[in-house]
Amino acid sequence: MIDIHCHILPDMDDGASHFTDSLLMAKQAEIEGIHTIIATPHHQNGKYINVKNDILKKVEEINDYLKTEKVYVNILPGQETRIYGEILEDYEAGEILPLAILSNYLFIELPSSSVPRYTGQLCYDIQMKGLTPVIVHPERNKELIEHPDKLYKLVNNGAATQITAASFTGYFGKKIQKFTFDLIEANLTHFIASDAHNTATRGFKMSEAFDLLEKKYGQDQVYLFLDNAEQIVAAKDIYREVPEQIKKKKILGLF
């Protein structure tokens, strides 16, 4: 498996705090069958600034370290950037990093409770630069849960999304899990990734997620997510199904 969203780089954000933590995470990933991880430290989220060159340097260091420890998980560079208006200017300035460096896919993180009004326009502008915005963990965004049509419009207009393994398997609660199911069923998501931060409270859960995915939706859905992660690393276009609007179930009762 390939994990396209992970906070395994040491001392960069709220993920691994030092190389020993990174080693433990890599060992856990190996046990789960993950052979490649795109490291995606937080950037511009109000607390952490991690620009492209700093990430590239740390990725080189962690790969060398893992080899000396005989842990055969390959780390590739990425970045989880909180949405902000100047993202394209900073991309041109060499501070913003696409997934696996060679792909045209760019992680975009929304605030946890809202969708900024300029999100649609920015996603359009990003695509005009030949990039594809990938909205991370939309299932954990309060406004999108309440107004899934907003996510439908973004995806229908060309954005991609990535759900979290722990959301799908229920570790963030039933409401978020249900919305994650809705996203899959409406073809509104294109990746499952771990968003792992450590081995204790925010582990990978990837193996568990793909087991559940196969039981609930079958092997075709499993292959879609697995293949899309591979497409990212190969710097190729991902596979997409036609997105649908999430149908809100009517509540029976008196009106």
Protein backbone atom coordinates (compact mmCIF):
# COMPACT_ATOMS: atom_id res chain seq x y z
CA MET A 1 0.00 0.00 0.00
CA ILE A 2 0.89 3.64 -0.47
CA ASP A 3 -0.11 6.17 2.18
CA ILE A 4 -0.39 9.65 0.69
CA HIS A 5 -1.01 11.59 3.94
CA CYS A 6 1.18 11.12 7.01
CA HIS A 7 2.95 13.24 9.63
CA ILE A 8 6.03 11.06 9.93
CA LEU A 9 8.74 13.70 9.50
CA PRO A 10 10.38 14.44 12.86
CA ASP A 11 10.17 17.81 14.59
CA MET A 12 8.16 19.60 11.93
CA ASP A 13 4.60 19.67 13.24
CA ASP A 14 2.31 17.83 15.66
CA GLY A 15 3.34 14.43 14.28
CA ALA A 16 6.60 12.64 15.06
CA SER A 17 8.62 14.69 17.51
CA HIS A 18 12.00 13.06 16.84
CA PHE A 19 13.60 10.36 14.68
CA THR A 20 12.72 7.61 17.14
CA ASP A 21 9.03 8.43 16.74
CA SER A 22 9.45 8.37 12.96
CA LEU A 23 11.09 4.95 13.21
CA LEU A 24 8.23 3.56 15.29
CA MET A 25 5.71 4.92 12.80
CA ALA A 26 7.62 3.42 9.87
CA LYS A 27 7.72 0.04 11.60
CA GLN A 28 3.97 0.19 12.23
CA ALA A 29 3.40 1.12 8.60
CA GLU A 30 5.51 -1.83 7.46
CA ILE A 31 3.42 -4.21 9.57
CA GLU A 32 0.26 -2.85 7.92
CA GLY A 33 1.67 -3.49 4.46
CA ILE A 34 2.55 0.11 3.64
CA HIS A 35 5.74 0.36 1.58
CA THR A 36 5.60 4.02 0.56
CA ILE A 37 4.55 7.09 2.56
CA ILE A 38 4.11 10.63 1.32
CA ALA A 39 5.14 12.81 4.26
CA THR A 40 2.78 15.78 4.53
CA PRO A 41 3.73 18.18 7.33
CA HIS A 42 1.33 21.01 8.13
CA HIS A 43 1.97 24.33 6.45
CA GLN A 44 0.36 27.75 6.98
CA ASN A 45 -2.20 26.45 9.50
CA GLY A 46 -1.53 29.23 11.98
CA LYS A 47 1.01 27.21 13.92
CA TYR A 48 3.44 25.55 11.51
CA ILE A 49 5.40 26.82 8.53
CA ASN A 50 7.09 24.07 6.52
CA VAL A 51 8.26 25.17 3.09
CA LYS A 52 9.30 22.94 0.21
CA ASN A 53 13.09 23.00 0.68
CA ASP A 54 12.87 22.22 4.40
CA ILE A 55 10.63 19.25 3.69
CA LEU A 56 12.90 17.91 0.94
CA LYS A 57 15.89 18.06 3.29
CA LYS A 58 14.06 16.27 6.11
CA VAL A 59 12.77 13.56 3.74
CA GLU A 60 16.33 12.83 2.65
CA GLU A 61 17.43 12.58 6.28
CA ILE A 62 14.61 10.24 7.31
CA ASN A 63 15.16 7.92 4.35
CA ASP A 64 18.85 7.62 5.22
CA TYR A 65 17.95 6.94 8.86
CA LEU A 66 15.37 4.27 8.03
CA LYS A 67 17.87 2.47 5.81
CA THR A 68 20.41 2.32 8.62
CA GLU A 69 17.67 0.87 10.86
CA LYS A 70 16.75 -1.66 8.14
CA VAL A 71 13.17 -0.44 7.84
CA TYR A 72 12.21 -0.57 4.18
CA VAL A 73 9.51 2.07 3.91
CA ASN A 74 10.20 4.76 1.34
CA ILE A 75 9.33 8.33 2.30
CA LEU A 76 8.35 10.81 -0.40
CA PRO A 77 7.85 14.57 0.01
CA GLY A 78 4.48 16.26 0.32
CA GLN A 79 2.79 19.04 2.26
CA GLU A 80 -0.56 19.65 3.94
CA THR A 81 -1.26 23.30 3.28
CA ARG A 82 -4.10 25.13 4.98
CA ILE A 83 -6.07 27.07 2.40
CA TYR A 84 -4.99 30.70 2.02
CA GLY A 85 -5.30 33.28 -0.71
CA GLU A 86 -1.63 33.50 -1.69
CA ILE A 87 -1.05 29.78 -2.21
CA LEU A 88 -0.41 30.10 -5.95
CA GLU A 89 2.01 32.98 -5.49
CA ASP A 90 3.93 30.89 -2.98
CA TYR A 91 3.80 27.90 -5.33
CA GLU A 92 5.46 30.03 -8.00
CA ALA A 93 8.00 31.15 -5.40
CA GLY A 94 8.97 27.54 -4.71
CA GLU A 95 7.46 27.18 -1.23
CA ILE A 96 4.50 24.91 -2.00
CA LEU A 97 5.08 21.24 -2.72
CA PRO A 98 2.82 18.93 -4.76
CA LEU A 99 2.36 15.35 -3.58
CA ALA A 100 5.43 13.17 -4.26
CA ILE A 101 7.01 16.33 -5.76
CA LEU A 102 6.45 15.25 -9.37
CA SER A 103 2.66 14.93 -9.40
CA ASN A 104 0.19 17.67 -10.25
CA TYR A 105 -1.83 17.05 -7.09
CA LEU A 106 -1.79 19.58 -4.26
CA PHE A 107 -3.17 19.00 -0.77
CA ILE A 108 -5.55 21.67 0.49
CA GLU A 109 -6.74 21.66 4.12
CA LEU A 110 -9.91 23.53 5.03
CA PRO A 111 -10.60 24.89 8.54
CA SER A 112 -12.30 22.21 10.63
CA SER A 113 -15.62 24.04 10.93
CA SER A 114 -15.98 26.09 7.77
CA VAL A 115 -15.38 26.46 4.05
CA PRO A 116 -13.90 29.85 3.14
CA ARG A 117 -15.99 31.75 0.59
CA TYR A 118 -13.08 31.91 -1.87
CA THR A 119 -12.52 28.11 -1.88
CA GLY A 120 -14.27 27.48 -5.20
CA GLN A 121 -12.43 30.29 -6.97
CA LEU A 122 -9.07 29.22 -5.55
CA CYS A 123 -9.63 25.61 -6.61
CA TYR A 124 -10.42 26.90 -10.10
CA ASP A 125 -7.29 29.05 -10.15
CA ILE A 126 -5.18 26.10 -8.99
CA GLN A 127 -6.53 24.02 -11.86
CA MET A 128 -5.75 26.81 -14.31
CA LYS A 129 -2.11 26.34 -13.28
CA GLY A 130 -2.29 22.70 -14.33
CA LEU A 131 -2.63 21.43 -10.76
CA THR A 132 -5.42 19.49 -9.08
CA PRO A 133 -6.43 20.51 -5.54
CA VAL A 134 -6.99 17.55 -3.20
CA ILE A 135 -9.19 18.51 -0.26
CA VAL A 136 -8.04 16.52 2.75
CA HIS A 137 -10.41 14.90 5.28
CA PRO A 138 -13.61 16.68 4.09
CA GLU A 139 -15.58 14.22 6.23
CA ARG A 140 -14.34 16.04 9.33
CA ASN A 141 -15.43 19.50 8.17
CA LYS A 142 -18.54 20.70 10.01
CA GLU A 143 -19.87 22.89 7.18
CA LEU A 144 -19.46 20.14 4.58
CA ILE A 145 -21.27 17.64 6.81
CA GLU A 146 -24.18 20.08 7.07
CA HIS A 147 -24.02 21.19 3.42
CA PRO A 148 -22.60 18.33 1.32
CA ASP A 149 -23.71 20.11 -1.85
CA LYS A 150 -20.73 22.45 -1.36
CA LEU A 151 -18.34 19.51 -1.65
CA TYR A 152 -20.25 18.16 -4.63
CA LYS A 153 -19.73 21.46 -6.46
CA LEU A 154 -16.00 21.43 -5.75
CA VAL A 155 -15.57 17.82 -6.92
CA ASN A 156 -17.86 18.30 -9.92
CA ASN A 157 -15.68 21.25 -10.92
CA GLY A 158 -12.50 19.17 -10.81
CA ALA A 159 -11.22 19.03 -7.22
CA ALA A 160 -10.33 15.67 -5.66
CA THR A 161 -10.70 14.64 -2.01
CA GLN A 162 -9.01 12.31 0.46
CA ILE A 163 -10.77 10.65 3.38
CA THR A 164 -9.05 9.38 6.51
CA ALA A 165 -8.82 5.68 7.34
CA ALA A 166 -9.73 6.34 10.97
CA SER A 167 -12.84 8.27 9.92
CA PHE A 168 -13.98 5.40 7.73
CA THR A 169 -13.42 2.85 10.50
CA GLY A 170 -15.31 4.89 13.10
CA TYR A 171 -12.55 6.24 15.33
CA PHE A 172 -13.84 9.81 14.93
CA GLY A 173 -17.41 8.85 15.81
CA LYS A 174 -20.51 7.56 14.08
CA LYS A 175 -21.54 10.87 12.49
CA ILE A 176 -18.21 11.32 10.73
CA GLN A 177 -18.15 7.64 9.77
CA LYS A 178 -21.62 7.90 8.23
CA PHE A 179 -20.61 10.96 6.21
CA THR A 180 -17.50 9.11 5.05
CA PHE A 181 -19.74 6.31 3.78
CA ASP A 182 -21.88 8.93 2.00
CA LEU A 183 -18.82 10.38 0.26
CA ILE A 184 -17.74 6.99 -1.06
CA GLU A 185 -21.24 6.08 -2.22
CA ALA A 186 -21.62 9.40 -4.05
CA ASN A 187 -18.17 9.16 -5.74
CA LEU A 188 -17.08 12.28 -3.90
CA THR A 189 -13.72 10.95 -2.73
CA HIS A 190 -10.70 9.50 -4.48
CA PHE A 191 -8.22 8.43 -1.79
CA ILE A 192 -8.04 6.78 1.60
CA ALA A 193 -4.98 7.76 3.62
CA SER A 194 -3.91 7.50 7.25
CA ASP A 195 -3.24 11.08 8.36
CA ALA A 196 -1.18 9.26 11.00
CA HIS A 197 0.57 11.41 13.61
CA ASN A 198 1.95 8.74 15.96
CA THR A 199 1.63 5.05 16.86
CA ALA A 200 -0.61 5.49 19.92
CA THR A 201 -3.56 7.84 19.46
CA ARG A 202 -3.31 8.59 15.72
CA GLY A 203 -2.00 5.47 14.03
CA PHE A 204 -2.39 4.30 10.43
CA LYS A 205 -5.57 2.14 10.50
CA MET A 206 -5.03 1.51 6.78
CA SER A 207 -5.21 -2.26 6.85
CA GLU A 208 -8.38 -2.11 8.93
CA ALA A 209 -9.89 0.46 6.58
CA PHE A 210 -9.26 -1.56 3.44
CA ASP A 211 -10.66 -4.70 5.07
CA LEU A 212 -13.86 -2.80 5.88
CA LEU A 213 -13.89 -1.20 2.44
CA GLU A 214 -13.83 -4.59 0.73
CA LYS A 215 -16.57 -5.98 2.97
CA LYS A 216 -18.83 -2.96 2.50
CA TYR A 217 -18.19 -1.94 -1.10
CA GLY A 218 -16.27 -4.76 -2.81
CA GLN A 219 -12.90 -5.16 -4.50
CA ASP A 220 -13.52 -2.62 -7.26
CA GLN A 221 -13.65 0.20 -4.71
CA VAL A 222 -10.52 -1.15 -3.03
CA TYR A 223 -8.66 -1.16 -6.33
CA LEU A 224 -9.82 2.37 -7.13
CA PHE A 225 -8.27 3.81 -3.97
CA LEU A 226 -5.12 1.67 -4.17
CA ASP A 227 -4.60 2.53 -7.83
CA ASN A 228 -5.14 6.24 -7.28
CA ALA A 229 -2.40 6.35 -4.66
CA GLU A 230 -0.11 4.62 -7.14
CA GLN A 231 -1.08 7.12 -9.83
CA ILE A 232 0.02 9.97 -7.57
CA VAL A 233 3.46 8.46 -7.02
CA ALA A 234 3.77 7.75 -10.76
CA ALA A 235 2.79 11.37 -11.53
CA LYS A 236 -0.21 10.24 -13.58
CA ASP A 237 -3.86 11.25 -13.63
CA ILE A 238 -6.11 9.53 -11.10
CA TYR A 239 -9.24 7.52 -11.83
CA ARG A 240 -12.60 9.15 -11.16
CA GLU A 241 -16.21 8.10 -11.16
CA VAL A 242 -18.98 10.60 -11.95
CA PRO A 243 -19.78 12.48 -8.71
CA GLU A 244 -23.32 12.50 -7.37
CA GLN A 245 -25.15 14.68 -4.88
CA ILE A 246 -25.59 13.14 -1.45
CA LYS A 247 -29.25 12.44 -0.96
CA LYS A 248 -30.49 13.58 2.42
CA LYS A 249 -32.82 11.02 3.94
CA LYS A 250 -36.23 12.38 4.87
CA ILE A 251 -37.20 12.09 8.51
CA LEU A 252 -40.67 10.66 8.99
CA GLY A 253 -42.94 12.47 11.39
CA LEU A 254 -45.47 15.24 11.74
CA PHE A 255 -44.99 18.47 9.80
